[in-house]
């Protein structure tokens, strides 16, 4: 039976990889993104652009569209987020608030609003994107790592909150993802060691599957090239 799957940040590299994998498996996929529209359509997907996921009213309206089109919500994949590299001395304090909003508040907002629908699902799934860099923050990674650490704690706390329901909550913690932006930012790096978006999508797909029904509250590192 086809599931209703939402991928936030669905117009980006990782979001597209995850959404494409679910669509290929026959699921009914919705991509929600802050960008107005995707660079390329995903056949069969419902694309909802221009959504600020820190805005509860806008997010709720987007979810209403999903439920009307796909008759509920079974899987929520929180990919939406951002990155900055700044030292504290030379950086902006506004970056800390921006990272918190982009990486943590977005996930908390849509997850809270989606919970009533996820709990009605026979096998609800919440899958967050954390970060390996949040386990031990390096120089310049403070604001980003702090926000992603918040995603990890959200994952753990919500998993316990939903114990006894049919909903599991887990997070994937990638190392550096092989994207055009990262290659441009780090041209001298060894790209062969970076994680492919499709490999992360495979882990997301597993966590959304019935085979992972006994896994909840897990923070799963994804660090091999793939």
N, C-alpha and C. Protein backbone atom coordinates (compact mmCIF):
# COMPACT_ATOMS: atom_id res chain seq x y z
N UNK A 1 0.85 -1.20 0.00
CA UNK A 1 0.00 0.00 0.00
C UNK A 1 0.88 1.24 0.00
N UNK A 2 0.59 2.17 -0.91
CA UNK A 2 1.39 3.39 -1.03
C UNK A 2 1.23 4.25 0.22
N UNK A 3 2.35 4.75 0.71
CA UNK A 3 2.35 5.62 1.88
C UNK A 3 2.39 7.08 1.44
N UNK A 4 1.94 7.96 2.34
CA UNK A 4 2.06 9.39 2.13
C UNK A 4 3.35 9.85 2.81
N UNK A 5 4.29 10.34 2.00
CA UNK A 5 5.63 10.71 2.48
C UNK A 5 5.87 12.19 2.23
N UNK A 6 6.30 12.91 3.26
CA UNK A 6 6.70 14.31 3.12
C UNK A 6 8.21 14.41 3.29
N UNK A 7 8.85 15.13 2.37
CA UNK A 7 10.27 15.43 2.48
C UNK A 7 10.42 16.94 2.50
N UNK A 8 10.85 17.49 3.64
CA UNK A 8 11.11 18.93 3.68
C UNK A 8 12.49 19.20 3.09
N UNK A 9 12.69 20.44 2.63
CA UNK A 9 13.92 20.70 1.90
C UNK A 9 14.00 19.83 0.66
N UNK A 10 12.82 19.49 0.14
CA UNK A 10 12.73 18.49 -0.92
C UNK A 10 13.22 18.92 -2.28
N UNK A 11 13.50 20.23 -2.44
CA UNK A 11 14.00 20.70 -3.73
C UNK A 11 15.53 20.66 -3.79
N UNK A 12 16.19 20.42 -2.67
CA UNK A 12 17.65 20.40 -2.63
C UNK A 12 18.21 19.05 -3.07
N UNK A 13 19.54 18.92 -3.00
CA UNK A 13 20.21 17.72 -3.47
C UNK A 13 19.79 16.49 -2.66
N UNK A 14 19.93 16.56 -1.34
CA UNK A 14 19.57 15.41 -0.51
C UNK A 14 18.07 15.18 -0.50
N UNK A 15 17.30 16.25 -0.41
CA UNK A 15 15.85 16.11 -0.42
C UNK A 15 15.34 15.46 -1.69
N UNK A 16 15.91 15.84 -2.82
CA UNK A 16 15.50 15.24 -4.09
C UNK A 16 15.87 13.77 -4.14
N UNK A 17 17.06 13.42 -3.63
CA UNK A 17 17.46 12.01 -3.62
C UNK A 17 16.51 11.17 -2.78
N UNK A 18 16.15 11.69 -1.60
CA UNK A 18 15.24 10.96 -0.73
C UNK A 18 13.85 10.85 -1.35
N UNK A 19 13.35 11.97 -1.86
CA UNK A 19 12.02 11.97 -2.45
C UNK A 19 11.96 11.05 -3.67
N UNK A 20 13.01 11.05 -4.47
CA UNK A 20 13.04 10.20 -5.67
C UNK A 20 13.01 8.72 -5.29
N UNK A 21 13.72 8.36 -4.21
CA UNK A 21 13.75 6.97 -3.78
C UNK A 21 12.36 6.52 -3.31
N UNK A 22 11.67 7.37 -2.56
CA UNK A 22 10.32 7.02 -2.13
C UNK A 22 9.37 6.92 -3.32
N UNK A 23 9.49 7.85 -4.25
CA UNK A 23 8.63 7.82 -5.44
C UNK A 23 8.87 6.55 -6.25
N UNK A 24 10.13 6.16 -6.38
CA UNK A 24 10.46 4.95 -7.13
C UNK A 24 9.88 3.70 -6.48
N UNK A 25 9.70 3.77 -5.15
CA UNK A 25 9.13 2.64 -4.41
C UNK A 25 7.60 2.63 -4.47
N UNK A 26 7.01 3.62 -5.13
CA UNK A 26 5.57 3.66 -5.30
C UNK A 26 4.83 4.47 -4.26
N UNK A 27 5.55 5.22 -3.41
CA UNK A 27 4.90 6.04 -2.40
C UNK A 27 4.37 7.34 -3.00
N UNK A 28 3.41 7.94 -2.31
CA UNK A 28 2.88 9.25 -2.70
C UNK A 28 3.72 10.30 -1.99
N UNK A 29 4.47 11.05 -2.75
CA UNK A 29 5.51 11.93 -2.19
C UNK A 29 5.12 13.39 -2.30
N UNK A 30 5.37 14.12 -1.21
CA UNK A 30 5.24 15.58 -1.22
C UNK A 30 6.60 16.18 -0.90
N UNK A 31 7.03 17.13 -1.70
CA UNK A 31 8.25 17.90 -1.41
C UNK A 31 7.83 19.29 -0.96
N UNK A 32 8.28 19.67 0.24
CA UNK A 32 8.00 21.01 0.77
C UNK A 32 9.32 21.75 0.89
N UNK A 33 9.35 23.00 0.43
CA UNK A 33 10.62 23.72 0.42
C UNK A 33 10.38 25.22 0.59
N UNK A 34 11.41 25.89 1.10
CA UNK A 34 11.37 27.35 1.21
C UNK A 34 11.48 28.00 -0.17
N UNK A 35 12.21 27.36 -1.08
CA UNK A 35 12.33 27.88 -2.44
C UNK A 35 10.96 27.86 -3.11
N UNK A 36 10.78 28.78 -4.03
CA UNK A 36 9.47 28.90 -4.68
C UNK A 36 9.15 27.69 -5.54
N UNK A 37 10.16 27.14 -6.21
CA UNK A 37 9.91 25.98 -7.06
C UNK A 37 11.19 25.17 -7.23
N UNK A 38 11.01 23.92 -7.58
CA UNK A 38 12.16 23.03 -7.78
C UNK A 38 12.80 23.29 -9.12
N UNK A 39 14.10 22.98 -9.22
CA UNK A 39 14.79 23.12 -10.51
C UNK A 39 14.23 22.14 -11.53
N UNK A 40 13.81 20.98 -11.06
CA UNK A 40 13.24 19.98 -11.95
C UNK A 40 12.08 19.30 -11.25
N UNK A 41 11.03 18.98 -11.98
CA UNK A 41 9.88 18.30 -11.35
C UNK A 41 10.23 16.85 -11.01
N UNK A 42 9.51 16.30 -10.05
CA UNK A 42 9.61 14.88 -9.72
C UNK A 42 8.28 14.27 -10.12
N UNK A 43 8.32 13.36 -11.07
CA UNK A 43 7.10 12.80 -11.64
C UNK A 43 6.22 12.20 -10.54
N UNK A 44 4.98 12.65 -10.50
CA UNK A 44 4.01 12.12 -9.56
C UNK A 44 4.02 12.78 -8.20
N UNK A 45 5.01 13.62 -7.94
CA UNK A 45 5.12 14.25 -6.62
C UNK A 45 4.26 15.51 -6.53
N UNK A 46 3.83 15.81 -5.31
CA UNK A 46 3.18 17.08 -5.01
C UNK A 46 4.25 18.02 -4.50
N UNK A 47 4.52 19.09 -5.22
CA UNK A 47 5.53 20.07 -4.81
C UNK A 47 4.85 21.29 -4.22
N UNK A 48 5.27 21.66 -3.00
CA UNK A 48 4.74 22.85 -2.34
C UNK A 48 5.92 23.75 -2.00
N UNK A 49 6.09 24.82 -2.75
CA UNK A 49 7.20 25.73 -2.55
C UNK A 49 6.79 26.99 -1.83
N UNK A 50 7.80 27.78 -1.44
CA UNK A 50 7.56 29.05 -0.79
C UNK A 50 7.06 28.93 0.64
N UNK A 51 7.41 27.84 1.33
CA UNK A 51 6.92 27.62 2.69
C UNK A 51 8.03 27.86 3.71
N UNK A 52 7.78 28.81 4.61
CA UNK A 52 8.68 29.06 5.74
C UNK A 52 8.26 28.12 6.86
N UNK A 53 9.06 27.08 7.10
CA UNK A 53 8.68 26.06 8.07
C UNK A 53 8.82 26.51 9.52
N UNK A 54 9.28 27.73 9.74
CA UNK A 54 9.23 28.28 11.10
C UNK A 54 7.91 29.00 11.35
N UNK A 55 7.09 29.12 10.32
CA UNK A 55 5.79 29.77 10.39
C UNK A 55 4.73 28.68 10.54
N UNK A 56 4.13 28.59 11.72
CA UNK A 56 3.19 27.50 12.00
C UNK A 56 1.96 27.57 11.10
N UNK A 57 1.49 28.77 10.81
CA UNK A 57 0.29 28.90 9.98
C UNK A 57 0.56 28.42 8.56
N UNK A 58 1.68 28.84 7.99
CA UNK A 58 2.03 28.43 6.63
C UNK A 58 2.29 26.93 6.56
N UNK A 59 2.95 26.43 7.59
CA UNK A 59 3.25 25.00 7.62
C UNK A 59 1.97 24.18 7.76
N UNK A 60 1.08 24.63 8.63
CA UNK A 60 -0.20 23.94 8.79
C UNK A 60 -1.01 23.92 7.51
N UNK A 61 -0.99 25.02 6.77
CA UNK A 61 -1.72 25.08 5.50
C UNK A 61 -1.14 24.09 4.49
N UNK A 62 0.20 23.98 4.48
CA UNK A 62 0.84 23.03 3.59
C UNK A 62 0.45 21.60 3.94
N UNK A 63 0.39 21.29 5.23
CA UNK A 63 0.01 19.95 5.66
C UNK A 63 -1.44 19.64 5.29
N UNK A 64 -2.29 20.63 5.36
CA UNK A 64 -3.69 20.42 4.96
C UNK A 64 -3.76 20.02 3.49
N UNK A 65 -2.91 20.62 2.66
CA UNK A 65 -2.88 20.26 1.24
C UNK A 65 -2.42 18.81 1.07
N UNK A 66 -1.42 18.43 1.84
CA UNK A 66 -0.91 17.05 1.75
C UNK A 66 -1.99 16.05 2.14
N UNK A 67 -2.64 16.29 3.26
CA UNK A 67 -3.66 15.36 3.76
C UNK A 67 -4.82 15.25 2.77
N UNK A 68 -5.20 16.38 2.18
CA UNK A 68 -6.29 16.36 1.21
C UNK A 68 -5.91 15.58 -0.05
N UNK A 69 -4.65 15.71 -0.47
CA UNK A 69 -4.21 15.06 -1.71
C UNK A 69 -3.84 13.59 -1.50
N UNK A 70 -3.26 13.28 -0.33
CA UNK A 70 -2.70 11.94 -0.13
C UNK A 70 -3.34 11.18 1.03
N UNK A 71 -4.41 11.72 1.57
CA UNK A 71 -5.22 11.01 2.57
C UNK A 71 -4.43 10.66 3.83
N UNK A 72 -3.64 11.61 4.32
CA UNK A 72 -2.92 11.40 5.57
C UNK A 72 -1.44 11.63 5.43
N UNK A 73 -0.71 11.29 6.50
CA UNK A 73 0.76 11.40 6.51
C UNK A 73 1.30 10.16 7.22
N UNK A 74 2.18 9.45 6.55
CA UNK A 74 2.79 8.25 7.13
C UNK A 74 4.26 8.45 7.48
N UNK A 75 4.97 9.20 6.66
CA UNK A 75 6.41 9.39 6.84
C UNK A 75 6.76 10.86 6.69
N UNK A 76 7.52 11.38 7.65
CA UNK A 76 8.01 12.76 7.59
C UNK A 76 9.53 12.73 7.64
N UNK A 77 10.16 13.25 6.61
CA UNK A 77 11.62 13.31 6.54
C UNK A 77 12.03 14.78 6.59
N UNK A 78 12.70 15.17 7.67
CA UNK A 78 13.09 16.57 7.87
C UNK A 78 14.50 16.82 7.37
N UNK A 79 14.58 17.21 6.10
CA UNK A 79 15.87 17.52 5.48
C UNK A 79 16.16 19.02 5.52
N UNK A 80 15.13 19.84 5.55
CA UNK A 80 15.29 21.29 5.47
C UNK A 80 16.31 21.79 6.48
N UNK A 81 17.18 22.69 6.04
CA UNK A 81 18.19 23.24 6.95
C UNK A 81 19.20 24.07 6.20
N UNK A 82 20.24 24.47 6.91
CA UNK A 82 21.28 25.30 6.31
C UNK A 82 22.60 25.11 7.02
N UNK A 83 23.62 25.76 6.51
CA UNK A 83 24.97 25.61 7.06
C UNK A 83 25.68 26.95 7.05
N UNK A 84 26.52 27.15 8.05
CA UNK A 84 27.43 28.30 8.04
C UNK A 84 28.73 27.90 8.73
N UNK A 85 29.81 28.46 8.27
CA UNK A 85 31.11 28.28 8.93
C UNK A 85 31.56 29.67 9.37
N UNK A 86 31.61 29.88 10.68
CA UNK A 86 32.02 31.17 11.23
C UNK A 86 32.69 30.95 12.58
N UNK A 87 33.80 31.61 12.79
CA UNK A 87 34.35 31.62 14.14
C UNK A 87 33.50 32.57 15.00
N UNK A 88 33.54 32.39 16.29
CA UNK A 88 32.74 33.26 17.16
C UNK A 88 33.30 34.68 17.14
N UNK A 89 34.62 34.81 17.20
CA UNK A 89 35.23 36.14 17.26
C UNK A 89 34.97 36.94 15.99
N UNK A 90 35.02 36.28 14.86
CA UNK A 90 34.86 37.02 13.60
C UNK A 90 33.49 36.90 12.99
N UNK A 91 32.61 36.18 13.66
CA UNK A 91 31.29 35.92 13.07
C UNK A 91 30.20 36.81 13.63
N UNK A 92 28.98 36.46 13.27
CA UNK A 92 27.82 37.23 13.69
C UNK A 92 26.97 36.42 14.65
N UNK A 93 26.53 37.05 15.73
CA UNK A 93 25.64 36.35 16.65
C UNK A 93 24.31 36.01 15.99
N UNK A 94 23.96 36.76 14.95
CA UNK A 94 22.72 36.46 14.23
C UNK A 94 22.77 35.08 13.57
N UNK A 95 23.98 34.61 13.28
CA UNK A 95 24.11 33.28 12.66
C UNK A 95 23.63 32.18 13.58
N UNK A 96 23.81 32.37 14.89
CA UNK A 96 23.36 31.35 15.83
C UNK A 96 21.84 31.23 15.80
N UNK A 97 21.16 32.37 15.76
CA UNK A 97 19.70 32.34 15.68
C UNK A 97 19.23 31.78 14.34
N UNK A 98 19.96 32.13 13.28
CA UNK A 98 19.57 31.66 11.94
C UNK A 98 19.73 30.15 11.83
N UNK A 99 20.82 29.60 12.34
CA UNK A 99 21.02 28.15 12.31
C UNK A 99 19.97 27.44 13.15
N UNK A 100 19.66 28.01 14.31
CA UNK A 100 18.62 27.42 15.18
C UNK A 100 17.30 27.37 14.43
N UNK A 101 16.96 28.45 13.76
CA UNK A 101 15.69 28.51 13.04
C UNK A 101 15.67 27.54 11.87
N UNK A 102 16.73 27.53 11.07
CA UNK A 102 16.75 26.73 9.84
C UNK A 102 16.83 25.24 10.12
N UNK A 103 17.62 24.85 11.11
CA UNK A 103 17.89 23.43 11.33
C UNK A 103 17.00 22.79 12.39
N UNK A 104 16.66 23.54 13.42
CA UNK A 104 15.90 22.94 14.53
C UNK A 104 14.44 23.38 14.55
N UNK A 105 14.19 24.67 14.45
CA UNK A 105 12.81 25.14 14.54
C UNK A 105 11.96 24.62 13.39
N UNK A 106 12.54 24.53 12.20
CA UNK A 106 11.79 23.98 11.07
C UNK A 106 11.32 22.56 11.37
N UNK A 107 12.24 21.73 11.88
CA UNK A 107 11.89 20.34 12.17
C UNK A 107 10.87 20.24 13.29
N UNK A 108 11.05 21.04 14.35
CA UNK A 108 10.12 20.98 15.47
C UNK A 108 8.72 21.44 15.05
N UNK A 109 8.65 22.47 14.24
CA UNK A 109 7.36 23.03 13.84
C UNK A 109 6.54 22.05 13.03
N UNK A 110 7.12 21.54 11.94
CA UNK A 110 6.34 20.65 11.07
C UNK A 110 6.06 19.32 11.75
N UNK A 111 6.98 18.86 12.59
CA UNK A 111 6.75 17.59 13.27
C UNK A 111 5.60 17.71 14.26
N UNK A 112 5.58 18.79 15.04
CA UNK A 112 4.48 18.98 15.98
C UNK A 112 3.14 19.00 15.26
N UNK A 113 3.07 19.71 14.14
CA UNK A 113 1.81 19.85 13.43
C UNK A 113 1.43 18.56 12.70
N UNK A 114 2.41 17.75 12.35
CA UNK A 114 2.13 16.50 11.64
C UNK A 114 1.81 15.34 12.57
N UNK A 115 2.11 15.48 13.85
CA UNK A 115 1.95 14.37 14.79
C UNK A 115 0.54 13.76 14.82
N UNK A 116 -0.52 14.54 14.83
CA UNK A 116 -1.85 13.91 14.85
C UNK A 116 -2.06 12.96 13.68
N UNK A 117 -1.53 13.32 12.52
CA UNK A 117 -1.69 12.47 11.33
C UNK A 117 -0.75 11.27 11.39
N UNK A 118 0.48 11.48 11.83
CA UNK A 118 1.43 10.38 11.95
C UNK A 118 0.94 9.32 12.93
N UNK A 119 0.29 9.75 14.00
CA UNK A 119 -0.19 8.80 15.01
C UNK A 119 -1.39 7.99 14.51
N UNK A 120 -2.05 8.49 13.48
CA UNK A 120 -3.16 7.73 12.88
C UNK A 120 -2.65 6.71 11.88
N UNK A 121 -1.40 6.85 11.47
CA UNK A 121 -0.82 5.92 10.50
C UNK A 121 -0.58 4.57 11.16
N UNK A 122 -0.64 3.52 10.35
CA UNK A 122 -0.35 2.18 10.86
C UNK A 122 1.11 2.04 11.25
N UNK A 123 1.97 2.87 10.65
CA UNK A 123 3.41 2.81 10.95
C UNK A 123 4.03 4.17 10.65
N UNK A 124 3.78 5.13 11.54
CA UNK A 124 4.30 6.48 11.36
C UNK A 124 5.81 6.53 11.54
N UNK A 125 6.45 7.37 10.76
CA UNK A 125 7.90 7.49 10.82
C UNK A 125 8.31 8.97 10.77
N UNK A 126 9.20 9.35 11.67
CA UNK A 126 9.85 10.66 11.59
C UNK A 126 11.34 10.40 11.46
N UNK A 127 11.94 10.96 10.42
CA UNK A 127 13.37 10.78 10.18
C UNK A 127 14.00 12.15 10.01
N UNK A 128 14.88 12.50 10.94
CA UNK A 128 15.54 13.80 10.93
C UNK A 128 16.94 13.69 10.36
N UNK A 129 17.43 14.80 9.84
CA UNK A 129 18.81 14.85 9.37
C UNK A 129 19.63 15.63 10.39
N UNK A 130 20.45 14.90 11.15
CA UNK A 130 21.37 15.52 12.08
C UNK A 130 22.70 15.77 11.39
N UNK A 131 23.79 15.64 12.12
CA UNK A 131 25.11 15.88 11.52
C UNK A 131 26.20 15.21 12.34
N UNK A 132 27.09 14.54 11.64
CA UNK A 132 28.25 14.00 12.33
C UNK A 132 29.07 15.10 12.98
N UNK A 133 29.06 16.28 12.36
CA UNK A 133 29.84 17.41 12.88
C UNK A 133 29.31 17.92 14.21
N UNK A 134 28.10 17.50 14.60
CA UNK A 134 27.53 17.95 15.87
C UNK A 134 27.94 17.05 17.03
N UNK A 135 28.63 15.96 16.74
CA UNK A 135 29.12 15.09 17.81
C UNK A 135 30.31 15.75 18.51
N UNK A 136 31.19 16.33 17.69
CA UNK A 136 32.32 17.08 18.23
C UNK A 136 32.57 18.24 17.28
N UNK A 137 32.27 19.45 17.70
CA UNK A 137 32.34 20.61 16.81
C UNK A 137 33.77 21.09 16.64
N UNK A 138 34.15 21.32 15.38
CA UNK A 138 35.45 21.91 15.09
C UNK A 138 35.36 23.42 15.04
N UNK A 139 36.49 24.05 14.83
CA UNK A 139 36.53 25.51 14.74
C UNK A 139 35.60 26.00 13.63
N UNK A 140 34.84 27.03 13.93
CA UNK A 140 33.93 27.61 12.95
C UNK A 140 32.61 26.89 12.82
N UNK A 141 32.46 25.78 13.55
CA UNK A 141 31.27 24.95 13.40
C UNK A 141 30.28 25.13 14.56
N UNK A 142 30.56 26.08 15.46
CA UNK A 142 29.77 26.20 16.67
C UNK A 142 28.29 26.40 16.43
N UNK A 143 27.91 27.38 15.63
CA UNK A 143 26.49 27.68 15.42
C UNK A 143 25.78 26.54 14.73
N UNK A 144 26.41 26.00 13.70
CA UNK A 144 25.81 24.89 12.96
C UNK A 144 25.68 23.66 13.86
N UNK A 145 26.76 23.30 14.54
CA UNK A 145 26.76 22.10 15.37
C UNK A 145 25.77 22.22 16.52
N UNK A 146 25.67 23.40 17.10
CA UNK A 146 24.71 23.59 18.20
C UNK A 146 23.29 23.34 17.72
N UNK A 147 22.96 23.82 16.54
CA UNK A 147 21.60 23.63 16.03
C UNK A 147 21.34 22.17 15.68
N UNK A 148 22.33 21.50 15.10
CA UNK A 148 22.15 20.09 14.76
C UNK A 148 22.15 19.21 16.00
N UNK A 149 22.90 19.61 17.03
CA UNK A 149 22.81 18.90 18.30
C UNK A 149 21.39 19.00 18.85
N UNK A 150 20.75 20.13 18.63
CA UNK A 150 19.36 20.29 19.02
C UNK A 150 18.45 19.30 18.28
N UNK A 151 18.75 19.06 17.02
CA UNK A 151 17.99 18.06 16.25
C UNK A 151 18.16 16.67 16.87
N UNK A 152 19.38 16.37 17.31
CA UNK A 152 19.63 15.07 17.95
C UNK A 152 18.80 14.94 19.23
N UNK A 153 18.79 16.00 20.03
CA UNK A 153 18.04 15.93 21.29
C UNK A 153 16.52 15.88 21.03
N UNK A 154 16.05 16.59 20.01
CA UNK A 154 14.65 16.52 19.61
C UNK A 154 14.29 15.08 19.25
N UNK A 155 15.17 14.44 18.50
CA UNK A 155 14.93 13.06 18.08
C UNK A 155 14.79 12.14 19.28
N UNK A 156 15.72 12.25 20.22
CA UNK A 156 15.70 11.37 21.39
C UNK A 156 14.48 11.62 22.27
N UNK A 157 14.19 12.90 22.52
CA UNK A 157 13.07 13.23 23.40
C UNK A 157 11.73 12.82 22.78
N UNK A 158 11.58 13.05 21.48
CA UNK A 158 10.31 12.72 20.83
C UNK A 158 10.12 11.21 20.74
N UNK A 159 11.21 10.47 20.56
CA UNK A 159 11.09 9.02 20.53
C UNK A 159 10.52 8.49 21.85
N UNK A 160 11.01 9.04 22.96
CA UNK A 160 10.46 8.63 24.26
C UNK A 160 9.02 9.10 24.44
N UNK A 161 8.74 10.31 23.95
CA UNK A 161 7.38 10.84 24.06
C UNK A 161 6.37 9.96 23.34
N UNK A 162 6.81 9.37 22.22
CA UNK A 162 5.91 8.58 21.40
C UNK A 162 6.01 7.09 21.66
N UNK A 163 6.74 6.71 22.69
CA UNK A 163 6.81 5.29 23.06
C UNK A 163 5.39 4.79 23.34
N UNK A 164 5.08 3.62 22.83
CA UNK A 164 3.73 3.10 23.01
C UNK A 164 2.80 3.43 21.87
N UNK A 165 3.25 4.28 20.95
CA UNK A 165 2.47 4.56 19.73
C UNK A 165 3.11 3.78 18.59
N UNK A 166 2.57 3.93 17.40
CA UNK A 166 3.14 3.28 16.23
C UNK A 166 4.17 4.12 15.51
N UNK A 167 4.56 5.24 16.11
CA UNK A 167 5.47 6.18 15.45
C UNK A 167 6.89 6.00 15.98
N UNK A 168 7.84 5.85 15.08
CA UNK A 168 9.25 5.84 15.46
C UNK A 168 9.89 7.15 15.04
N UNK A 169 10.95 7.53 15.75
CA UNK A 169 11.65 8.79 15.50
C UNK A 169 13.16 8.51 15.52
N UNK A 170 13.82 8.76 14.42
CA UNK A 170 15.25 8.51 14.32
C UNK A 170 15.94 9.63 13.54
N UNK A 171 17.25 9.68 13.65
CA UNK A 171 18.02 10.69 12.92
C UNK A 171 19.20 10.05 12.21
N UNK A 172 19.49 10.57 11.04
CA UNK A 172 20.65 10.17 10.25
C UNK A 172 21.71 11.26 10.41
N UNK A 173 22.94 10.86 10.69
CA UNK A 173 24.03 11.82 10.94
C UNK A 173 25.09 11.67 9.86
N UNK A 174 24.94 12.37 8.74
CA UNK A 174 25.94 12.24 7.68
C UNK A 174 27.23 12.97 8.03
N UNK A 175 28.32 12.50 7.44
CA UNK A 175 29.54 13.30 7.41
C UNK A 175 29.39 14.26 6.23
N UNK A 176 30.45 14.65 5.56
CA UNK A 176 30.32 15.61 4.46
C UNK A 176 29.57 14.96 3.30
N UNK A 177 28.54 15.63 2.80
CA UNK A 177 27.74 15.13 1.69
C UNK A 177 28.33 15.64 0.38
N UNK A 178 28.40 14.76 -0.60
CA UNK A 178 28.96 15.14 -1.90
C UNK A 178 27.92 15.91 -2.70
N UNK A 179 28.01 17.24 -2.62
CA UNK A 179 27.12 18.12 -3.37
C UNK A 179 27.96 19.13 -4.15
N UNK A 180 27.40 19.72 -5.20
CA UNK A 180 28.15 20.74 -5.94
C UNK A 180 28.60 21.90 -5.06
N UNK A 181 27.76 22.32 -4.11
CA UNK A 181 28.13 23.42 -3.23
C UNK A 181 29.33 23.07 -2.37
N UNK A 182 29.32 21.86 -1.79
CA UNK A 182 30.44 21.46 -0.96
C UNK A 182 31.73 21.31 -1.77
N UNK A 183 31.62 20.84 -2.99
CA UNK A 183 32.81 20.72 -3.84
C UNK A 183 33.39 22.10 -4.16
N UNK A 184 32.49 23.06 -4.39
CA UNK A 184 32.94 24.42 -4.70
C UNK A 184 33.59 25.06 -3.47
N UNK A 185 33.04 24.77 -2.29
CA UNK A 185 33.57 25.36 -1.06
C UNK A 185 34.87 24.72 -0.60
N UNK A 186 35.08 23.46 -0.97
CA UNK A 186 36.27 22.71 -0.52
C UNK A 186 36.93 22.03 -1.71
N UNK A 187 37.46 22.81 -2.66
CA UNK A 187 37.95 22.23 -3.92
C UNK A 187 39.16 21.31 -3.76
N UNK A 188 39.89 21.42 -2.68
CA UNK A 188 41.08 20.59 -2.49
C UNK A 188 40.82 19.32 -1.70
N UNK A 189 39.58 19.07 -1.32
CA UNK A 189 39.24 17.91 -0.50
C UNK A 189 39.22 16.64 -1.35
N UNK A 190 39.26 15.50 -0.67
CA UNK A 190 39.16 14.20 -1.33
C UNK A 190 37.67 13.83 -1.42
N UNK A 191 37.08 14.10 -2.56
CA UNK A 191 35.64 13.89 -2.72
C UNK A 191 35.26 12.41 -2.58
N UNK A 192 36.19 11.52 -2.82
CA UNK A 192 35.88 10.09 -2.78
C UNK A 192 35.46 9.63 -1.39
N UNK A 193 35.83 10.39 -0.38
CA UNK A 193 35.48 10.00 1.00
C UNK A 193 34.13 10.58 1.43
N UNK A 194 33.54 11.43 0.61
CA UNK A 194 32.29 12.07 0.97
C UNK A 194 31.10 11.14 0.71
N UNK A 195 30.02 11.36 1.44
CA UNK A 195 28.85 10.50 1.34
C UNK A 195 27.96 10.95 0.18
N UNK A 196 27.55 9.99 -0.63
CA UNK A 196 26.65 10.29 -1.73
C UNK A 196 25.22 10.48 -1.22
N UNK A 197 24.50 11.46 -1.75
CA UNK A 197 23.12 11.68 -1.32
C UNK A 197 22.25 10.43 -1.45
N UNK A 198 22.49 9.64 -2.49
CA UNK A 198 21.70 8.44 -2.70
C UNK A 198 21.94 7.40 -1.60
N UNK A 199 23.17 7.37 -1.05
CA UNK A 199 23.47 6.45 0.04
C UNK A 199 22.72 6.85 1.30
N UNK A 200 22.64 8.15 1.54
CA UNK A 200 21.86 8.63 2.69
C UNK A 200 20.38 8.32 2.48
N UNK A 201 19.91 8.50 1.25
CA UNK A 201 18.51 8.20 0.94
C UNK A 201 18.20 6.73 1.21
N UNK A 202 19.16 5.84 0.98
CA UNK A 202 18.95 4.42 1.26
C UNK A 202 18.74 4.18 2.76
N UNK A 203 19.52 4.89 3.59
CA UNK A 203 19.37 4.74 5.04
C UNK A 203 18.02 5.30 5.49
N UNK A 204 17.64 6.44 4.93
CA UNK A 204 16.34 7.02 5.23
C UNK A 204 15.22 6.04 4.86
N UNK A 205 15.35 5.44 3.68
CA UNK A 205 14.34 4.48 3.25
C UNK A 205 14.24 3.29 4.17
N UNK A 206 15.38 2.82 4.66
CA UNK A 206 15.36 1.70 5.62
C UNK A 206 14.64 2.11 6.91
N UNK A 207 14.97 3.27 7.44
CA UNK A 207 14.34 3.72 8.69
C UNK A 207 12.84 3.91 8.54
N UNK A 208 12.40 4.19 7.32
CA UNK A 208 10.97 4.36 7.06
C UNK A 208 10.26 3.02 6.84
N UNK A 209 11.04 1.95 6.70
CA UNK A 209 10.46 0.66 6.34
C UNK A 209 9.98 -0.11 7.56
N UNK A 210 9.22 -1.17 7.29
CA UNK A 210 8.74 -2.03 8.36
C UNK A 210 9.90 -2.79 9.01
N UNK A 211 10.97 -3.00 8.26
CA UNK A 211 12.13 -3.70 8.80
C UNK A 211 12.77 -2.94 9.96
N UNK A 212 12.54 -1.62 10.01
CA UNK A 212 13.11 -0.78 11.08
C UNK A 212 12.10 -0.45 12.17
N UNK A 213 11.05 -1.22 12.25
CA UNK A 213 9.96 -0.91 13.18
C UNK A 213 10.39 -0.92 14.64
N UNK A 214 11.47 -1.64 14.97
CA UNK A 214 11.92 -1.74 16.36
C UNK A 214 12.98 -0.70 16.70
N UNK A 215 13.32 0.17 15.75
CA UNK A 215 14.37 1.17 15.96
C UNK A 215 13.71 2.53 16.21
N UNK A 216 14.00 3.13 17.35
CA UNK A 216 13.52 4.49 17.62
C UNK A 216 14.46 5.18 18.59
N UNK A 217 14.61 6.48 18.42
CA UNK A 217 15.53 7.25 19.24
C UNK A 217 16.99 7.08 18.85
N UNK A 218 17.24 6.52 17.67
CA UNK A 218 18.61 6.24 17.24
C UNK A 218 19.21 7.41 16.47
N UNK A 219 20.50 7.63 16.69
CA UNK A 219 21.28 8.61 15.94
C UNK A 219 22.29 7.81 15.13
N UNK A 220 22.07 7.71 13.83
CA UNK A 220 22.80 6.76 13.00
C UNK A 220 23.82 7.47 12.12
N UNK A 221 25.13 7.28 12.39
CA UNK A 221 26.16 7.89 11.54
C UNK A 221 26.15 7.28 10.14
N UNK A 222 26.30 8.13 9.15
CA UNK A 222 26.42 7.67 7.76
C UNK A 222 27.69 8.34 7.21
N UNK A 223 28.77 7.57 7.11
CA UNK A 223 30.08 8.20 6.90
C UNK A 223 30.88 7.64 5.73
N UNK A 224 30.40 6.59 5.09
CA UNK A 224 31.16 6.01 3.98
C UNK A 224 30.73 6.62 2.66
N UNK A 225 31.65 6.65 1.70
CA UNK A 225 31.40 7.31 0.43
C UNK A 225 30.13 6.88 -0.28
N UNK A 226 29.95 5.56 -0.41
CA UNK A 226 28.71 5.07 -1.02
C UNK A 226 28.68 5.24 -2.51
